[in-house]
Amino acid sequence: MPNTFLHTCYRIGDIDRSVAFYEKLGFSESRRMPIGDEAINVFMALEDGNPILELTYNHGVDSYEMGAGYNHIALAVADLDATLAALAESGIEPEKPPYRPGGRTTGSRIAFVRDPDGYRIELVEKGDLTE
């Protein structure tokens, strides 16, 4: 049997704040799972229904150190400008305007936003994702 990617897990400081943020990116909450008295896992899914993002809230912890090893997750979006405009209505701004990495003049444009806990999300405009 081949391996299958299941999910990415982030530790979060506030469930409602994080769920609301990821809903703006097209996720929906698929389920919550208490972990004894210590934590709650909230599973978030995209349109295909597979819960690929696990948000873990540890009771009594409202922030975490990011560390130097983590960078970002990436989401493909149909229209980068429209996505950023919708996020801006909620006060979410990109780190810098959309651009093509490495000074390229062709291929997909990207932009980075941060979730409420500071995790970076790369938004990649659909198109030729190989460039």
Protein backbone atom coordinates (compact mmCIF):
# COMPACT_ATOMS: atom_id res chain seq x y z
CA MET A 1 0.00 0.00 0.00
CA PRO A 2 1.42 3.42 -0.92
CA ASN A 3 1.85 6.07 1.75
CA THR A 4 -0.81 8.77 1.97
CA PHE A 5 -0.40 12.29 3.30
CA LEU A 6 -2.94 12.80 6.10
CA HIS A 7 -2.60 16.27 7.59
CA THR A 8 -0.50 19.11 8.97
CA CYS A 9 -0.91 20.09 12.61
CA TYR A 10 -0.59 23.60 14.08
CA ARG A 11 -0.78 24.46 17.75
CA ILE A 12 -3.12 27.41 18.18
CA GLY A 13 -3.97 29.90 20.94
CA ASP A 14 -7.69 30.44 20.23
CA ILE A 15 -10.00 27.97 18.47
CA ASP A 16 -12.67 30.40 17.25
CA ARG A 17 -10.11 32.90 15.91
CA SER A 18 -8.19 30.22 14.00
CA VAL A 19 -11.28 28.46 12.62
CA ALA A 20 -12.63 31.82 11.37
CA PHE A 21 -9.30 32.58 9.65
CA TYR A 22 -9.08 29.24 7.83
CA GLU A 23 -12.74 29.46 6.79
CA LYS A 24 -11.78 32.64 4.91
CA LEU A 25 -9.29 30.50 2.95
CA GLY A 26 -11.96 27.97 1.95
CA PHE A 27 -11.59 25.45 4.77
CA SER A 28 -14.52 24.16 6.81
CA GLU A 29 -14.47 22.49 10.18
CA SER A 30 -15.06 18.77 9.80
CA ARG A 31 -14.86 17.68 13.44
CA ARG A 32 -13.50 18.33 16.93
CA MET A 33 -11.84 15.71 19.05
CA PRO A 34 -11.09 16.26 22.74
CA ILE A 35 -7.77 14.86 23.93
CA GLY A 36 -8.60 14.14 27.57
CA ASP A 37 -8.54 17.26 29.72
CA GLU A 38 -5.45 18.66 28.04
CA ALA A 39 -6.37 19.59 24.45
CA ILE A 40 -8.88 19.77 21.62
CA ASN A 41 -8.07 18.90 18.01
CA VAL A 42 -10.07 20.72 15.35
CA PHE A 43 -9.89 19.16 11.90
CA MET A 44 -10.30 21.48 8.91
CA ALA A 45 -11.04 20.32 5.36
CA LEU A 46 -11.14 21.85 1.90
CA GLU A 47 -13.93 21.22 -0.63
CA ASP A 48 -12.88 17.60 -1.23
CA GLY A 49 -13.74 16.84 2.39
CA ASN A 50 -10.38 15.44 3.46
CA PRO A 51 -9.34 17.03 6.78
CA ILE A 52 -5.79 18.05 5.91
CA LEU A 53 -5.29 20.64 8.65
CA GLU A 54 -5.38 19.80 12.35
CA LEU A 55 -5.55 22.74 14.74
CA THR A 56 -4.56 21.72 18.27
CA TYR A 57 -5.63 23.89 21.18
CA ASN A 58 -3.88 23.02 24.45
CA HIS A 59 -5.99 24.29 27.36
CA GLY A 60 -4.33 27.25 29.07
CA VAL A 61 -1.76 27.93 26.32
CA ASP A 62 -2.33 31.02 24.18
CA SER A 63 0.92 31.28 22.18
CA TYR A 64 3.90 29.24 20.98
CA GLU A 65 7.45 29.82 19.80
CA MET A 66 7.64 29.35 16.03
CA GLY A 67 11.18 28.04 15.86
CA ALA A 68 13.57 28.51 12.96
CA GLY A 69 12.74 25.33 11.02
CA TYR A 70 9.13 25.98 10.07
CA ASN A 71 8.35 28.06 6.98
CA HIS A 72 4.85 27.72 5.47
CA ILE A 73 2.08 25.67 3.91
CA ALA A 74 0.81 26.47 0.40
CA LEU A 75 -2.70 26.69 -1.02
CA ALA A 76 -3.60 26.96 -4.70
CA VAL A 77 -6.18 29.69 -5.35
CA ALA A 78 -8.13 30.32 -8.55
CA ASP A 79 -7.73 34.11 -8.49
CA LEU A 80 -4.99 35.55 -6.28
CA ASP A 81 -6.19 39.16 -6.56
CA ALA A 82 -9.78 38.24 -5.64
CA THR A 83 -8.59 36.08 -2.73
CA LEU A 84 -6.43 38.88 -1.35
CA ALA A 85 -9.27 41.41 -1.79
CA ALA A 86 -11.64 39.16 0.19
CA LEU A 87 -9.05 38.68 2.93
CA ALA A 88 -8.40 42.43 3.07
CA GLU A 89 -12.08 42.98 3.92
CA SER A 90 -11.34 41.06 7.13
CA GLY A 91 -8.14 42.98 7.83
CA ILE A 92 -5.80 40.27 6.52
CA GLU A 93 -3.04 41.73 4.37
CA PRO A 94 -0.23 39.96 2.47
CA GLU A 95 3.36 40.32 3.63
CA LYS A 96 4.04 42.06 0.31
CA PRO A 97 2.14 42.44 -2.98
CA PRO A 98 1.79 39.39 -5.24
CA TYR A 99 4.94 38.49 -7.17
CA ARG A 100 6.64 35.79 -9.22
CA PRO A 101 9.55 34.26 -7.27
CA GLY A 102 13.08 34.74 -8.53
CA GLY A 103 12.18 37.65 -10.80
CA ARG A 104 10.43 35.35 -13.29
CA THR A 105 8.10 36.99 -15.79
CA THR A 106 5.94 33.90 -16.40
CA GLY A 107 4.29 31.30 -14.21
CA SER A 108 2.15 31.58 -11.14
CA ARG A 109 2.19 34.61 -8.85
CA ILE A 110 2.32 34.08 -5.10
CA ALA A 111 1.66 36.00 -1.90
CA PHE A 112 2.05 35.14 1.78
CA VAL A 113 -0.40 35.85 4.60
CA ARG A 114 -0.16 34.95 8.28
CA ASP A 115 -2.80 33.24 10.36
CA PRO A 116 -3.76 34.55 13.83
CA ASP A 117 -0.94 32.56 15.46
CA GLY A 118 1.69 33.81 13.00
CA TYR A 119 1.90 30.75 10.73
CA ARG A 120 2.70 31.65 7.11
CA ILE A 121 0.35 30.59 4.32
CA GLU A 122 1.57 30.81 0.72
CA LEU A 123 -1.22 31.52 -1.76
CA VAL A 124 -0.28 30.25 -5.22
CA GLU A 125 -2.35 31.41 -8.18
CA LYS A 126 -3.53 28.40 -10.16
CA GLY A 127 -2.10 28.12 -13.60
CA ASP A 128 1.20 26.58 -14.52
CA LEU A 129 2.29 25.46 -11.07
CA THR A 130 5.49 23.95 -12.49
CA GLU A 131 7.15 27.32 -13.10
